[in-house]
Amino acid sequence: MNMTIRTTYLVFCILGFALPYSQFIPWLLDRGLDIPLFWGELFSTRMGGFFGMDVLVSACVLTLFVVVEGRRLGMHRLWVPIVGTFLVGVSFGLPLFLYMRHPHIMEPNNAFHTDAPKRRAS
């Protein structure tokens, strides 16, 4: 089961990269790297603004989660999912972080491990 969920995270990571970029690359080839135009088109409608704001807030929350959870687990290279989030999107950064985190939470001495003894409430 452990390898299956980790493989699933990797599949979502690949999809989270490929699907957004399948839309962005053609736009980039047509218009060039025009940041004001990019933001203008993203927020040109209320629905576009809705999704744009949702992704921006989600990216900030994910960044905080990566830093806090990653440090708690003693993970390295936490900059990778953060950079991936801001260069691709949450759809790439979140599954990448979950993929990276999975071996750490499966360690026998970790409280998340299924074989770890249950803690009593104080």
PDB file of N, CA and C in Angstrom:
ATOM      1  N   MET A   1       0.833  -1.210   0.000  1.00  0.00           N
ATOM      2  CA  MET A   1       0.000   0.000   0.000  1.00  0.00           C
ATOM      3  C   MET A   1       0.866   1.258   0.000  1.00  0.00           C
ATOM      4  N   ASN A   2       1.977   1.244   0.755  1.00  0.00           N
ATOM      5  CA  ASN A   2       2.817   2.428   0.851  1.00  0.00           C
ATOM      6  C   ASN A   2       3.354   2.861  -0.504  1.00  0.00           C
ATOM      7  N   MET A   3       3.844   1.916  -1.295  1.00  0.00           N
ATOM      8  CA  MET A   3       4.381   2.260  -2.604  1.00  0.00           C
ATOM      9  C   MET A   3       3.264   2.712  -3.531  1.00  0.00           C
ATOM     10  N   THR A   4       2.078   2.155  -3.367  1.00  0.00           N
ATOM     11  CA  THR A   4       0.952   2.522  -4.217  1.00  0.00           C
ATOM     12  C   THR A   4       0.574   3.986  -4.028  1.00  0.00           C
ATOM     13  N   ILE A   5       0.454   4.448  -2.800  1.00  0.00           N
ATOM     14  CA  ILE A   5       0.071   5.842  -2.574  1.00  0.00           C
ATOM     15  C   ILE A   5       1.191   6.779  -3.030  1.00  0.00           C
ATOM     16  N   ARG A   6       2.425   6.397  -2.831  1.00  0.00           N
ATOM     17  CA  ARG A   6       3.540   7.230  -3.273  1.00  0.00           C
ATOM     18  C   ARG A   6       3.556   7.317  -4.796  1.00  0.00           C
ATOM     19  N   THR A   7       3.273   6.205  -5.459  1.00  0.00           N
ATOM     20  CA  THR A   7       3.180   6.207  -6.920  1.00  0.00           C
ATOM     21  C   THR A   7       2.023   7.089  -7.378  1.00  0.00           C
ATOM     22  N   THR A   8       0.919   7.052  -6.650  1.00  0.00           N
ATOM     23  CA  THR A   8      -0.228   7.905  -6.972  1.00  0.00           C
ATOM     24  C   THR A   8       0.154   9.372  -6.860  1.00  0.00           C
ATOM     25  N   TYR A   9       0.892   9.745  -5.807  1.00  0.00           N
ATOM     26  CA  TYR A   9       1.363  11.125  -5.683  1.00  0.00           C
ATOM     27  C   TYR A   9       2.214  11.520  -6.880  1.00  0.00           C
ATOM     28  N   LEU A  10       3.066  10.609  -7.329  1.00  0.00           N
ATOM     29  CA  LEU A  10       3.934  10.886  -8.466  1.00  0.00           C
ATOM     30  C   LEU A  10       3.116  11.070  -9.746  1.00  0.00           C
ATOM     31  N   VAL A  11       2.098  10.251  -9.945  1.00  0.00           N
ATOM     32  CA  VAL A  11       1.227  10.389 -11.114  1.00  0.00           C
ATOM     33  C   VAL A  11       0.525  11.744 -11.084  1.00  0.00           C
ATOM     34  N   PHE A  12      -0.001  12.142  -9.922  1.00  0.00           N
ATOM     35  CA  PHE A  12      -0.648  13.446  -9.807  1.00  0.00           C
ATOM     36  C   PHE A  12       0.346  14.591 -10.020  1.00  0.00           C
ATOM     37  N   CYS A  13       1.564  14.379  -9.590  1.00  0.00           N
ATOM     38  CA  CYS A  13       2.612  15.371  -9.803  1.00  0.00           C
ATOM     39  C   CYS A  13       2.852  15.574 -11.307  1.00  0.00           C
ATOM     40  N   ILE A  14       2.936  14.480 -12.043  1.00  0.00           N
ATOM     41  CA  ILE A  14       3.137  14.554 -13.492  1.00  0.00           C
ATOM     42  C   ILE A  14       1.938  15.218 -14.158  1.00  0.00           C
ATOM     43  N   LEU A  15       0.731  14.819 -13.778  1.00  0.00           N
ATOM     44  CA  LEU A  15      -0.475  15.459 -14.319  1.00  0.00           C
ATOM     45  C   LEU A  15      -0.542  16.935 -13.937  1.00  0.00           C
ATOM     46  N   GLY A  16      -0.158  17.234 -12.700  1.00  0.00           N
ATOM     47  CA  GLY A  16      -0.183  18.608 -12.213  1.00  0.00           C
ATOM     48  C   GLY A  16       0.799  19.506 -12.932  1.00  0.00           C
ATOM     49  N   PHE A  17       1.807  18.925 -13.551  1.00  0.00           N
ATOM     50  CA  PHE A  17       2.742  19.681 -14.383  1.00  0.00           C
ATOM     51  C   PHE A  17       2.231  19.750 -15.824  1.00  0.00           C
ATOM     52  N   ALA A  18       1.866  18.599 -16.372  1.00  0.00           N
ATOM     53  CA  ALA A  18       1.527  18.503 -17.794  1.00  0.00           C
ATOM     54  C   ALA A  18       0.245  19.253 -18.158  1.00  0.00           C
ATOM     55  N   LEU A  19      -0.800  19.121 -17.364  1.00  0.00           N
ATOM     56  CA  LEU A  19      -2.078  19.741 -17.725  1.00  0.00           C
ATOM     57  C   LEU A  19      -2.030  21.269 -17.708  1.00  0.00           C
ATOM     58  N   PRO A  20      -1.537  21.905 -16.647  1.00  0.00           N
ATOM     59  CA  PRO A  20      -1.462  23.371 -16.701  1.00  0.00           C
ATOM     60  C   PRO A  20      -0.536  23.881 -17.821  1.00  0.00           C
ATOM     61  N   TYR A  21       0.593  23.218 -17.997  1.00  0.00           N
ATOM     62  CA  TYR A  21       1.530  23.673 -19.025  1.00  0.00           C
ATOM     63  C   TYR A  21       1.022  23.409 -20.435  1.00  0.00           C
ATOM     64  N   SER A  22       0.086  22.445 -20.596  1.00  0.00           N
ATOM     65  CA  SER A  22      -0.519  22.229 -21.914  1.00  0.00           C
ATOM     66  C   SER A  22      -1.340  23.445 -22.340  1.00  0.00           C
ATOM     67  N   GLN A  23      -1.737  24.251 -21.385  1.00  0.00           N
ATOM     68  CA  GLN A  23      -2.457  25.496 -21.674  1.00  0.00           C
ATOM     69  C   GLN A  23      -1.515  26.699 -21.709  1.00  0.00           C
ATOM     70  N   PHE A  24      -0.529  26.684 -20.833  1.00  0.00           N
ATOM     71  CA  PHE A  24       0.366  27.837 -20.717  1.00  0.00           C
ATOM     72  C   PHE A  24       1.358  27.933 -21.876  1.00  0.00           C
ATOM     73  N   ILE A  25       1.939  26.821 -22.308  1.00  0.00           N
ATOM     74  CA  ILE A  25       2.960  26.855 -23.364  1.00  0.00           C
ATOM     75  C   ILE A  25       2.409  27.441 -24.671  1.00  0.00           C
ATOM     76  N   PRO A  26       1.239  26.996 -25.156  1.00  0.00           N
ATOM     77  CA  PRO A  26       0.707  27.633 -26.373  1.00  0.00           C
ATOM     78  C   PRO A  26       0.457  29.129 -26.189  1.00  0.00           C
ATOM     79  N   TRP A  27      -0.046  29.534 -25.026  1.00  0.00           N
ATOM     80  CA  TRP A  27      -0.257  30.957 -24.748  1.00  0.00           C
ATOM     81  C   TRP A  27       1.075  31.691 -24.800  1.00  0.00           C
ATOM     82  N   LEU A  28       2.085  31.112 -24.184  1.00  0.00           N
ATOM     83  CA  LEU A  28       3.418  31.712 -24.150  1.00  0.00           C
ATOM     84  C   LEU A  28       4.011  31.823 -25.558  1.00  0.00           C
ATOM     85  N   LEU A  29       3.841  30.812 -26.380  1.00  0.00           N
ATOM     86  CA  LEU A  29       4.356  30.843 -27.745  1.00  0.00           C
ATOM     87  C   LEU A  29       3.632  31.887 -28.596  1.00  0.00           C
ATOM     88  N   ASP A  30       2.347  32.092 -28.343  1.00  0.00           N
ATOM     89  CA  ASP A  30       1.571  33.097 -29.097  1.00  0.00           C
ATOM     90  C   ASP A  30       1.878  34.524 -28.665  1.00  0.00           C
ATOM     91  N   ARG A  31       2.061  34.733 -27.371  1.00  0.00           N
ATOM     92  CA  ARG A  31       2.136  36.090 -26.838  1.00  0.00           C
ATOM     93  C   ARG A  31       3.497  36.482 -26.269  1.00  0.00           C
ATOM     94  N   GLY A  32       4.355  35.515 -26.035  1.00  0.00           N
ATOM     95  CA  GLY A  32       5.625  35.799 -25.385  1.00  0.00           C
ATOM     96  C   GLY A  32       5.416  35.953 -23.888  1.00  0.00           C
ATOM     97  N   LEU A  33       6.502  36.217 -23.183  1.00  0.00           N
ATOM     98  CA  LEU A  33       6.426  36.350 -21.730  1.00  0.00           C
ATOM     99  C   LEU A  33       6.004  37.775 -21.379  1.00  0.00           C
ATOM    100  N   ASP A  34       4.724  38.038 -21.536  1.00  0.00           N
ATOM    101  CA  ASP A  34       4.136  39.356 -21.280  1.00  0.00           C
ATOM    102  C   ASP A  34       3.378  39.285 -19.962  1.00  0.00           C
ATOM    103  N   ILE A  35       4.065  39.601 -18.861  1.00  0.00           N
ATOM    104  CA  ILE A  35       3.482  39.459 -17.520  1.00  0.00           C
ATOM    105  C   ILE A  35       2.234  40.327 -17.331  1.00  0.00           C
ATOM    106  N   PRO A  36       2.261  41.615 -17.723  1.00  0.00           N
ATOM    107  CA  PRO A  36       1.024  42.400 -17.569  1.00  0.00           C
ATOM    108  C   PRO A  36      -0.158  41.800 -18.342  1.00  0.00           C
ATOM    109  N   LEU A  37       0.085  41.289 -19.549  1.00  0.00           N
ATOM    110  CA  LEU A  37      -0.983  40.654 -20.322  1.00  0.00           C
ATOM    111  C   LEU A  37      -1.463  39.385 -19.626  1.00  0.00           C
ATOM    112  N   PHE A  38      -0.525  38.611 -19.083  1.00  0.00           N
ATOM    113  CA  PHE A  38      -0.875  37.387 -18.353  1.00  0.00           C
ATOM    114  C   PHE A  38      -1.842  37.710 -17.211  1.00  0.00           C
ATOM    115  N   TRP A  39      -1.475  38.683 -16.362  1.00  0.00           N
ATOM    116  CA  TRP A  39      -2.330  39.042 -15.230  1.00  0.00           C
ATOM    117  C   TRP A  39      -3.636  39.657 -15.713  1.00  0.00           C
ATOM    118  N   GLY A  40      -3.565  40.447 -16.774  1.00  0.00           N
ATOM    119  CA  GLY A  40      -4.775  41.052 -17.324  1.00  0.00           C
ATOM    120  C   GLY A  40      -5.762  40.015 -17.816  1.00  0.00           C
ATOM    121  N   GLU A  41      -5.266  38.999 -18.525  1.00  0.00           N
ATOM    122  CA  GLU A  41      -6.155  37.945 -19.020  1.00  0.00           C
ATOM    123  C   GLU A  41      -6.662  37.059 -17.877  1.00  0.00           C
ATOM    124  N   LEU A  42      -5.809  36.791 -16.901  1.00  0.00           N
ATOM    125  CA  LEU A  42      -6.218  35.959 -15.777  1.00  0.00           C
ATOM    126  C   LEU A  42      -7.381  36.595 -15.019  1.00  0.00           C
ATOM    127  N   PHE A  43      -7.326  37.914 -14.830  1.00  0.00           N
ATOM    128  CA  PHE A  43      -8.347  38.605 -14.043  1.00  0.00           C
ATOM    129  C   PHE A  43      -9.320  39.399 -14.914  1.00  0.00           C
ATOM    130  N   SER A  44      -9.436  39.030 -16.198  1.00  0.00           N
ATOM    131  CA  SER A  44     -10.320  39.770 -17.108  1.00  0.00           C
ATOM    132  C   SER A  44     -11.798  39.461 -16.876  1.00  0.00           C
ATOM    133  N   THR A  45     -12.100  38.351 -16.211  1.00  0.00           N
ATOM    134  CA  THR A  45     -13.488  38.020 -15.874  1.00  0.00           C
ATOM    135  C   THR A  45     -13.565  37.686 -14.387  1.00  0.00           C
ATOM    136  N   ARG A  46     -14.759  37.730 -13.857  1.00  0.00           N
ATOM    137  CA  ARG A  46     -14.933  37.387 -12.442  1.00  0.00           C
ATOM    138  C   ARG A  46     -14.581  35.923 -12.181  1.00  0.00           C
ATOM    139  N   MET A  47     -14.894  35.041 -13.115  1.00  0.00           N
ATOM    140  CA  MET A  47     -14.561  33.624 -12.930  1.00  0.00           C
ATOM    141  C   MET A  47     -13.052  33.421 -13.000  1.00  0.00           C
ATOM    142  N   GLY A  48     -12.392  34.104 -13.902  1.00  0.00           N
ATOM    143  CA  GLY A  48     -10.936  34.024 -13.963  1.00  0.00           C
ATOM    144  C   GLY A  48     -10.325  34.555 -12.678  1.00  0.00           C
ATOM    145  N   GLY A  49     -10.868  35.677 -12.180  1.00  0.00           N
ATOM    146  CA  GLY A  49     -10.406  36.240 -10.916  1.00  0.00           C
ATOM    147  C   GLY A  49     -10.643  35.298  -9.751  1.00  0.00           C
ATOM    148  N   PHE A  50     -11.790  34.620  -9.764  1.00  0.00           N
ATOM    149  CA  PHE A  50     -12.110  33.640  -8.728  1.00  0.00           C
ATOM    150  C   PHE A  50     -11.039  32.557  -8.677  1.00  0.00           C
ATOM    151  N   PHE A  51     -10.726  31.975  -9.831  1.00  0.00           N
ATOM    152  CA  PHE A  51      -9.719  30.908  -9.874  1.00  0.00           C
ATOM    153  C   PHE A  51      -8.320  31.442  -9.585  1.00  0.00           C
ATOM    154  N   GLY A  52      -8.024  32.632 -10.092  1.00  0.00           N
ATOM    155  CA  GLY A  52      -6.713  33.227  -9.833  1.00  0.00           C
ATOM    156  C   GLY A  52      -6.475  33.466  -8.350  1.00  0.00           C
ATOM    157  N   MET A  53      -7.464  34.056  -7.690  1.00  0.00           N
ATOM    158  CA  MET A  53      -7.338  34.315  -6.250  1.00  0.00           C
ATOM    159  C   MET A  53      -7.270  33.015  -5.455  1.00  0.00           C
ATOM    160  N   ASP A  54      -8.073  32.031  -5.855  1.00  0.00           N
ATOM    161  CA  ASP A  54      -8.060  30.741  -5.173  1.00  0.00           C
ATOM    162  C   ASP A  54      -6.673  30.107  -5.255  1.00  0.00           C
ATOM    163  N   VAL A  55      -6.066  30.141  -6.426  1.00  0.00           N
ATOM    164  CA  VAL A  55      -4.744  29.539  -6.604  1.00  0.00           C
ATOM    165  C   VAL A  55      -3.686  30.313  -5.823  1.00  0.00           C
ATOM    166  N   LEU A  56      -3.765  31.626  -5.815  1.00  0.00           N
ATOM    167  CA  LEU A  56      -2.780  32.422  -5.073  1.00  0.00           C
ATOM    168  C   LEU A  56      -2.847  32.134  -3.577  1.00  0.00           C
ATOM    169  N   VAL A  57      -4.048  32.095  -3.024  1.00  0.00           N
ATOM    170  CA  VAL A  57      -4.191  31.792  -1.594  1.00  0.00           C
ATOM    171  C   VAL A  57      -3.736  30.357  -1.319  1.00  0.00           C
ATOM    172  N   SER A  58      -4.123  29.431  -2.173  1.00  0.00           N
ATOM    173  CA  SER A  58      -3.715  28.032  -1.995  1.00  0.00           C
ATOM    174  C   SER A  58      -2.201  27.884  -2.051  1.00  0.00           C
ATOM    175  N   ALA A  59      -1.551  28.611  -2.933  1.00  0.00           N
ATOM    176  CA  ALA A  59      -0.091  28.546  -3.046  1.00  0.00           C
ATOM    177  C   ALA A  59       0.577  29.080  -1.782  1.00  0.00           C
ATOM    178  N   CYS A  60       0.029  30.128  -1.207  1.00  0.00           N
ATOM    179  CA  CYS A  60       0.591  30.672   0.038  1.00  0.00           C
ATOM    180  C   CYS A  60       0.405  29.696   1.194  1.00  0.00           C
ATOM    181  N   VAL A  61      -0.779  29.102   1.296  1.00  0.00           N
ATOM    182  CA  VAL A  61      -1.045  28.123   2.359  1.00  0.00           C
ATOM    183  C   VAL A  61      -0.154  26.904   2.180  1.00  0.00           C
ATOM    184  N   LEU A  62      -0.010  26.440   0.948  1.00  0.00           N
ATOM    185  CA  LEU A  62       0.851  25.285   0.691  1.00  0.00           C
ATOM    186  C   LEU A  62       2.298  25.586   1.062  1.00  0.00           C
ATOM    187  N   THR A  63       2.767  26.779   0.754  1.00  0.00           N
ATOM    188  CA  THR A  63       4.134  27.162   1.110  1.00  0.00           C
ATOM    189  C   THR A  63       4.332  27.095   2.619  1.00  0.00           C
ATOM    190  N   LEU A  64       3.384  27.627   3.368  1.00  0.00           N
ATOM    191  CA  LEU A  64       3.461  27.569   4.827  1.00  0.00           C
ATOM    192  C   LEU A  64       3.455  26.113   5.305  1.00  0.00           C
ATOM    193  N   PHE A  65       2.584  25.294   4.745  1.00  0.00           N
ATOM    194  CA  PHE A  65       2.507  23.879   5.119  1.00  0.00           C
ATOM    195  C   PHE A  65       3.818  23.157   4.817  1.00  0.00           C
ATOM    196  N   VAL A  66       4.398  23.403   3.653  1.00  0.00           N
ATOM    197  CA  VAL A  66       5.656  22.758   3.279  1.00  0.00           C
ATOM    198  C   VAL A  66       6.752  23.112   4.279  1.00  0.00           C
ATOM    199  N   VAL A  67       6.846  24.384   4.637  1.00  0.00           N
ATOM    200  CA  VAL A  67       7.900  24.828   5.556  1.00  0.00           C
ATOM    201  C   VAL A  67       7.683  24.228   6.949  1.00  0.00           C
ATOM    202  N   VAL A  68       6.478  24.348   7.483  1.00  0.00           N
ATOM    203  CA  VAL A  68       6.209  23.881   8.850  1.00  0.00           C
ATOM    204  C   VAL A  68       6.299  22.356   8.940  1.00  0.00           C
ATOM    205  N   GLU A  69       5.601  21.660   8.059  1.00  0.00           N
ATOM    206  CA  GLU A  69       5.587  20.192   8.095  1.00  0.00           C
ATOM    207  C   GLU A  69       6.953  19.619   7.714  1.00  0.00           C
ATOM    208  N   GLY A  70       7.586  20.217   6.726  1.00  0.00           N
ATOM    209  CA  GLY A  70       8.899  19.746   6.304  1.00  0.00           C
ATOM    210  C   GLY A  70       9.940  19.882   7.397  1.00  0.00           C
ATOM    211  N   ARG A  71       9.944  21.012   8.090  1.00  0.00           N
ATOM    212  CA  ARG A  71      10.887  21.190   9.204  1.00  0.00           C
ATOM    213  C   ARG A  71      10.576  20.231  10.346  1.00  0.00           C
ATOM    214  N   ARG A  72       9.292  20.043  10.633  1.00  0.00           N
ATOM    215  CA  ARG A  72       8.896  19.141  11.718  1.00  0.00           C
ATOM    216  C   ARG A  72       9.401  17.726  11.461  1.00  0.00           C
ATOM    217  N   LEU A  73       9.382  17.323  10.198  1.00  0.00           N
ATOM    218  CA  LEU A  73       9.814  15.972   9.838  1.00  0.00           C
ATOM    219  C   LEU A  73      11.302  15.885   9.517  1.00  0.00           C
ATOM    220  N   GLY A  74      11.997  17.008   9.538  1.00  0.00           N
ATOM    221  CA  GLY A  74      13.424  17.011   9.238  1.00  0.00           C
ATOM    222  C   GLY A  74      13.729  16.771   7.765  1.00  0.00           C
ATOM    223  N   MET A  75      12.827  17.210   6.887  1.00  0.00           N
ATOM    224  CA  MET A  75      13.008  17.002   5.452  1.00  0.00           C
ATOM    225  C   MET A  75      14.017  17.993   4.888  1.00  0.00           C
ATOM    226  N   HIS A  76      14.616  17.601   3.772  1.00  0.00           N
ATOM    227  CA  HIS A  76      15.575  18.447   3.071  1.00  0.00           C
ATOM    228  C   HIS A  76      14.988  18.875   1.723  1.00  0.00           C
ATOM    229  N   ARG A  77      15.597  19.877   1.120  1.00  0.00           N
ATOM    230  CA  ARG A  77      15.212  20.383  -0.205  1.00  0.00           C
ATOM    231  C   ARG A  77      13.750  20.836  -0.245  1.00  0.00           C
ATOM    232  N   LEU A  78      13.306  21.497   0.801  1.00  0.00           N
ATOM    233  CA  LEU A  78      11.928  21.997   0.838  1.00  0.00           C
ATOM    234  C   LEU A  78      11.682  23.083  -0.199  1.00  0.00           C
ATOM    235  N   TRP A  79      12.744  23.671  -0.710  1.00  0.00           N
ATOM    236  CA  TRP A  79      12.603  24.708  -1.732  1.00  0.00           C
ATOM    237  C   TRP A  79      12.044  24.133  -3.029  1.00  0.00           C
ATOM    238  N   VAL A  80      12.215  22.843  -3.288  1.00  0.00           N
ATOM    239  CA  VAL A  80      11.785  22.248  -4.564  1.00  0.00           C
ATOM    240  C   VAL A  80      10.264  22.338  -4.743  1.00  0.00           C
ATOM    241  N   PRO A  81       9.437  21.860  -3.798  1.00  0.00           N
ATOM    242  CA  PRO A  81       7.994  22.002  -4.013  1.00  0.00           C
ATOM    243  C   PRO A  81       7.520  23.457  -3.947  1.00  0.00           C
ATOM    244  N   ILE A  82       8.235  24.309  -3.215  1.00  0.00           N
ATOM    245  CA  ILE A  82       7.844  25.716  -3.157  1.00  0.00           C
ATOM    246  C   ILE A  82       8.076  26.377  -4.514  1.00  0.00           C
ATOM    247  N   VAL A  83       9.251  26.185  -5.083  1.00  0.00           N
ATOM    248  CA  VAL A  83       9.543  26.740  -6.411  1.00  0.00           C
ATOM    249  C   VAL A  83       8.603  26.130  -7.442  1.00  0.00           C
ATOM    250  N   GLY A  84       8.364  24.818  -7.346  1.00  0.00           N
ATOM    251  CA  GLY A  84       7.438  24.158  -8.267  1.00  0.00           C
ATOM    252  C   GLY A  84       6.033  24.723  -8.190  1.00  0.00           C
ATOM    253  N   THR A  85       5.610  25.074  -6.985  1.00  0.00           N
ATOM    254  CA  THR A  85       4.284  25.656  -6.804  1.00  0.00           C
ATOM    255  C   THR A  85       4.176  27.003  -7.514  1.00  0.00           C
ATOM    256  N   PHE A  86       5.200  27.839  -7.380  1.00  0.00           N
ATOM    257  CA  PHE A  86       5.116  29.180  -7.961  1.00  0.00           C
ATOM    258  C   PHE A  86       5.493  29.218  -9.438  1.00  0.00           C
ATOM    259  N   LEU A  87       6.164  28.186  -9.956  1.00  0.00           N
ATOM    260  CA  LEU A  87       6.468  28.129 -11.388  1.00  0.00           C
ATOM    261  C   LEU A  87       5.425  27.350 -12.187  1.00  0.00           C
ATOM    262  N   VAL A  88       4.754  26.403 -11.523  1.00  0.00           N
ATOM    263  CA  VAL A  88       3.746  25.597 -12.214  1.00  0.00           C
ATOM    264  C   VAL A  88       2.384  25.817 -11.571  1.00  0.00           C
ATOM    265  N   GLY A  89       2.264  25.482 -10.294  1.00  0.00           N
ATOM    266  CA  GLY A  89       0.998  25.643  -9.605  1.00  0.00           C
ATOM    267  C   GLY A  89       0.874  24.680  -8.443  1.00  0.00           C
ATOM    268  N   VAL A  90      -0.183  24.860  -7.685  1.00  0.00           N
ATOM    269  CA  VAL A  90      -0.477  23.996  -6.547  1.00  0.00           C
ATOM    270  C   VAL A  90      -0.679  22.560  -7.029  1.00  0.00           C
ATOM    271  N   SER A  91      -1.205  22.406  -8.230  1.00  0.00           N
ATOM    272  CA  SER A  91      -1.454  21.071  -8.780  1.00  0.00           C
ATOM    273  C   SER A  91      -0.164  20.276  -8.969  1.00  0.00           C
ATOM    274  N   PHE A  92       0.969  20.944  -9.010  1.00  0.00           N
ATOM    275  CA  PHE A  92       2.273  20.290  -9.097  1.00  0.00           C
ATOM    276  C   PHE A  92       2.954  20.264  -7.729  1.00  0.00           C
ATOM    277  N   GLY A  93       2.951  21.393  -7.032  1.00  0.00           N
ATOM    278  CA  GLY A  93       3.679  21.513  -5.769  1.00  0.00           C
ATOM    279  C   GLY A  93       3.139  20.633  -4.660  1.00  0.00           C
ATOM    280  N   LEU A  94       1.822  20.513  -4.548  1.00  0.00           N
ATOM    281  CA  LEU A  94       1.248  19.692  -3.471  1.00  0.00           C
ATOM    282  C   LEU A  94       1.560  18.210  -3.648  1.00  0.00           C
ATOM    283  N   PRO A  95       1.274  17.596  -4.803  1.00  0.00           N
ATOM    284  CA  PRO A  95       1.624  16.183  -4.904  1.00  0.00           C
ATOM    285  C   PRO A  95       3.133  15.931  -4.830  1.00  0.00           C
ATOM    286  N   LEU A  96       3.944  16.899  -5.280  1.00  0.00           N
ATOM    287  CA  LEU A  96       5.394  16.749  -5.165  1.00  0.00           C
ATOM    288  C   LEU A  96       5.802  16.716  -3.694  1.00  0.00           C
ATOM    289  N   PHE A  97       5.254  17.634  -2.902  1.00  0.00           N
ATOM    290  CA  PHE A  97       5.570  17.631  -1.473  1.00  0.00           C
ATOM    291  C   PHE A  97       5.085  16.350  -0.803  1.00  0.00           C
ATOM    292  N   LEU A  98       3.871  15.895  -1.123  1.00  0.00           N
ATOM    293  CA  LEU A  98       3.352  14.660  -0.525  1.00  0.00           C
ATOM    294  C   LEU A  98       4.217  13.466  -0.918  1.00  0.00           C
ATOM    295  N   TYR A  99       4.694  13.444  -2.148  1.00  0.00           N
ATOM    296  CA  TYR A  99       5.605  12.393  -2.607  1.00  0.00           C
ATOM    297  C   TYR A  99       6.902  12.417  -1.799  1.00  0.00           C
ATOM    298  N   MET A 100       7.440  13.618  -1.592  1.00  0.00           N
ATOM    299  CA  MET A 100       8.686  13.761  -0.837  1.00  0.00           C
ATOM    300  C   MET A 100       8.487  13.432   0.647  1.00  0.00           C
ATOM    301  N   ARG A 101       7.328  13.754   1.192  1.00  0.00           N
ATOM    302  CA  ARG A 101       7.052  13.578   2.616  1.00  0.00           C
ATOM    303  C   ARG A 101       6.754  12.133   2.983  1.00  0.00           C
ATOM    304  N   HIS A 102       6.206  11.376   2.069  1.00  0.00           N
ATOM    305  CA  HIS A 102       5.709  10.035   2.385  1.00  0.00           C
ATOM    306  C   HIS A 102       6.730   9.133   3.086  1.00  0.00           C
ATOM    307  N   PRO A 103       7.969   9.037   2.613  1.00  0.00           N
ATOM    308  CA  PRO A 103       8.926   8.174   3.329  1.00  0.00           C
ATOM    309  C   PRO A 103       9.171   8.625   4.767  1.00  0.00           C
ATOM    310  N   HIS A 104       9.078   9.919   5.022  1.00  0.00           N
ATOM    311  CA  HIS A 104       9.322  10.439   6.374  1.00  0.00           C
ATOM    312  C   HIS A 104       8.199  10.072   7.334  1.00  0.00           C
ATOM    313  N   ILE A 105       6.970  10.068   6.848  1.00  0.00           N
ATOM    314  CA  ILE A 105       5.863   9.731   7.757  1.00  0.00           C
ATOM    315  C   ILE A 105       5.705   8.229   7.925  1.00  0.00           C
ATOM    316  N   MET A 106       6.379   7.453   7.087  1.00  0.00           N
ATOM    317  CA  MET A 106       6.295   5.998   7.204  1.00  0.00           C
ATOM    318  C   MET A 106       7.415   5.418   8.070  1.00  0.00           C
ATOM    319  N   GLU A 107       8.312   6.260   8.582  1.00  0.00           N
ATOM    320  CA  GLU A 107       9.374   5.776   9.469  1.00  0.00           C
ATOM    321  C   GLU A 107       8.748   5.224  10.743  1.00  0.00           C
ATOM    322  N   PRO A 108       9.254   4.111  11.249  1.00  0.00           N
ATOM    323  CA  PRO A 108       8.653   3.473  12.430  1.00  0.00           C
ATOM    324  C   PRO A 108       8.585   4.367  13.669  1.00  0.00           C
ATOM    325  N   ASN A 109       9.518   5.289  13.847  1.00  0.00           N
ATOM    326  CA  ASN A 109       9.500   6.136  15.047  1.00  0.00           C
ATOM    327  C   ASN A 109       8.639   7.380  14.875  1.00  0.00           C
ATOM    328  N   ASN A 110       7.929   7.492  13.761  1.00  0.00           N
ATOM    329  CA  ASN A 110       7.090   8.651  13.506  1.00  0.00           C
ATOM    330  C   ASN A 110       5.684   8.391  14.025  1.00  0.00           C
ATOM    331  N   ALA A 111       5.072   9.402  14.631  1.00  0.00           N
ATOM    332  CA  ALA A 111       3.728   9.259  15.211  1.00  0.00           C
ATOM    333  C   ALA A 111       2.665   8.953  14.161  1.00  0.00           C
ATOM    334  N   PHE A 112       2.939   9.273  12.879  1.00  0.00           N
ATOM    335  CA  PHE A 112       1.962   9.000  11.825  1.00  0.00           C
ATOM    336  C   PHE A 112       2.016   7.554  11.352  1.00  0.00           C
ATOM    337  N   HIS A 113       3.097   6.848  11.650  1.00  0.00           N
ATOM    338  CA  HIS A 113       3.257   5.482  11.173  1.00  0.00           C
ATOM    339  C   HIS A 113       2.159   4.606  11.749  1.00  0.00           C
ATOM    340  N   THR A 114       1.590   3.744  10.922  1.00  0.00           N
ATOM    341  CA  THR A 114       0.442   2.940  11.354  1.00  0.00           C
ATOM    342  C   THR A 114       0.792   1.939  12.442  1.00  0.00           C
ATOM    343  N   ASP A 115       2.071   1.534  12.551  1.00  0.00           N
ATOM    344  CA  ASP A 115       2.479   0.582  13.581  1.00  0.00           C
ATOM    345  C   ASP A 115       2.926   1.277  14.871  1.00  0.00           C
ATOM    346  N   ALA A 116       2.947   2.605  14.872  1.00  0.00           N
ATOM    347  CA  ALA A 116       3.399   3.338  16.053  1.00  0.00           C
ATOM    348  C   ALA A 116       2.356   3.196  17.162  1.00  0.00           C
ATOM    349  N   PRO A 117       2.809   3.140  18.417  1.00  0.00           N
ATOM    350  CA  PRO A 117       1.830   3.053  19.515  1.00  0.00           C
ATOM    351  C   PRO A 117       0.979   4.312  19.575  1.00  0.00           C
ATOM    352  N   LYS A 118      -0.294   4.127  19.939  1.00  0.00           N
ATOM    353  CA  LYS A 118      -1.217   5.249  20.054  1.00  0.00           C
ATOM    354  C   LYS A 118      -0.888   6.092  21.273  1.00  0.00           C
ATOM    355  N   ARG A 119      -0.963   7.416  21.114  1.00  0.00           N
ATOM    356  CA  ARG A 119      -0.721   8.310  22.246  1.00  0.00           C
ATOM    357  C   ARG A 119      -2.001   8.467  23.045  1.00  0.00           C
ATOM    358  N   ARG A 120      -1.840   8.540  24.351  1.00  0.00           N
ATOM    359  CA  ARG A 120      -2.988   8.777  25.218  1.00  0.00           C
ATOM    360  C   ARG A 120      -3.236  10.275  25.323  1.00  0.00           C
ATOM    361  N   ALA A 121      -4.504  10.632  25.375  1.00  0.00           N
ATOM    362  CA  ALA A 121      -4.861  12.040  25.566  1.00  0.00           C
ATOM    363  C   ALA A 121      -4.557  12.415  27.008  1.00  0.00           C
ATOM    364  N   SER A 122      -3.984  13.608  27.213  1.00  0.00           N
ATOM    365  CA  SER A 122      -3.646  14.030  28.574  1.00  0.00           C
ATOM    366  C   SER A 122      -4.784  14.778  29.204  1.00  0.00           C
TER     367      SER A 122
END
